[in-house]
Every structure is written in structure tokens, then in C-alpha cells.
Amino acid sequence: MSDNDIVETASVWDAVSDTTGEAYNRRLRADLMTAIRGQTDRFGWSQVVVAQNLGVTGFVGP
């Protein structure tokens, strides 16, 4: 198989992950972020308010 071959996967997470465990972890984290976003939208919180309520003081990059 070459780099240009098209491979069908069950999800985008399977496509970008090296292992099924890594794909599961990415899927779980995405689901968690979606749930958090849903709650913050329901509360009507801005990103600043969310950060304050979660105790986030600044961005910590890679």
C-alpha cells in the first residue's frame, strides 16, 4: 500500500490514530468536550466565564 491509497476507516479518530486505544481516547475526549460545550451554552457562559469557573488562568501550550 502506498501513501496515496485510500483507506476506509470507521471514524476520523481511527484514521488519525496509530492504535485502537488511542482512537478510543480521542473519541472520548471529543465527546467530553462536546458535553462541556453543551453545558456552557446552556448556562450562557462566555469563554472567559467558563475559564473563571473552571479555574483556568492561562493557556499552557504544548
Protein backbone atom coordinates (compact mmCIF):
# COMPACT_ATOMS: atom_id res chain seq x y z
CA MET A 1 0.00 0.00 0.00
CA SER A 2 1.35 3.44 -0.90
CA ASP A 3 0.76 6.78 0.82
CA ASN A 4 -1.73 7.70 -1.92
CA ASP A 5 -4.03 4.70 -1.37
CA ILE A 6 -7.46 5.46 0.05
CA VAL A 7 -8.23 3.51 3.21
CA GLU A 8 -11.74 3.36 4.64
CA THR A 9 -11.99 3.70 8.42
CA ALA A 10 -14.89 3.67 10.86
CA SER A 11 -14.20 7.22 12.09
CA VAL A 12 -11.84 10.12 11.71
CA TRP A 13 -10.30 9.13 15.04
CA ASP A 14 -9.41 5.69 13.65
CA ALA A 15 -7.87 7.39 10.63
CA VAL A 16 -5.60 9.72 12.60
CA SER A 17 -4.64 7.34 15.42
CA ASP A 18 -1.96 4.69 15.48
CA THR A 19 -3.85 2.28 17.76
CA THR A 20 -7.45 1.48 18.63
CA GLY A 21 -6.76 2.60 22.20
CA GLU A 22 -5.55 5.99 21.02
CA ALA A 23 -8.63 6.33 18.77
CA TYR A 24 -10.90 5.47 21.71
CA ASN A 25 -9.16 8.05 23.89
CA ARG A 26 -9.53 10.75 21.22
CA ARG A 27 -13.20 9.88 20.73
CA LEU A 28 -13.82 10.01 24.49
CA ARG A 29 -12.08 13.37 24.82
CA ALA A 30 -14.06 14.79 21.89
CA ASP A 31 -17.32 13.57 23.46
CA LEU A 32 -16.33 15.16 26.77
CA MET A 33 -15.54 18.50 25.12
CA THR A 34 -18.87 18.37 23.27
CA ALA A 35 -20.70 17.78 26.56
CA ILE A 36 -18.83 20.62 28.27
CA ARG A 37 -19.62 22.94 25.36
CA GLY A 38 -23.30 21.97 25.54
CA GLN A 39 -23.44 22.80 29.23
CA THR A 40 -21.64 26.12 28.84
CA ASP A 41 -24.03 27.06 26.03
CA ARG A 42 -26.99 26.07 28.20
CA PHE A 43 -25.66 28.29 31.02
CA GLY A 44 -24.97 31.09 28.55
CA TRP A 45 -21.37 31.41 29.69
CA SER A 46 -18.68 33.11 27.61
CA GLN A 47 -15.22 31.56 27.29
CA VAL A 48 -13.96 33.99 29.94
CA VAL A 49 -16.67 32.93 32.40
CA VAL A 50 -16.01 29.24 31.68
CA ALA A 51 -12.29 29.75 32.36
CA GLN A 52 -13.05 31.59 35.60
CA ASN A 53 -15.48 28.89 36.77
CA LEU A 54 -13.03 26.11 35.93
CA GLY A 55 -10.08 27.91 37.49
CA VAL A 56 -8.17 28.22 34.24
CA THR A 57 -5.71 31.10 34.50
CA GLY A 58 -3.93 30.92 31.17
CA PHE A 59 -3.11 28.85 28.13
CA VAL A 60 -0.47 26.20 28.59
CA GLY A 61 0.74 25.18 25.16
CA PRO A 62 2.49 22.03 24.07
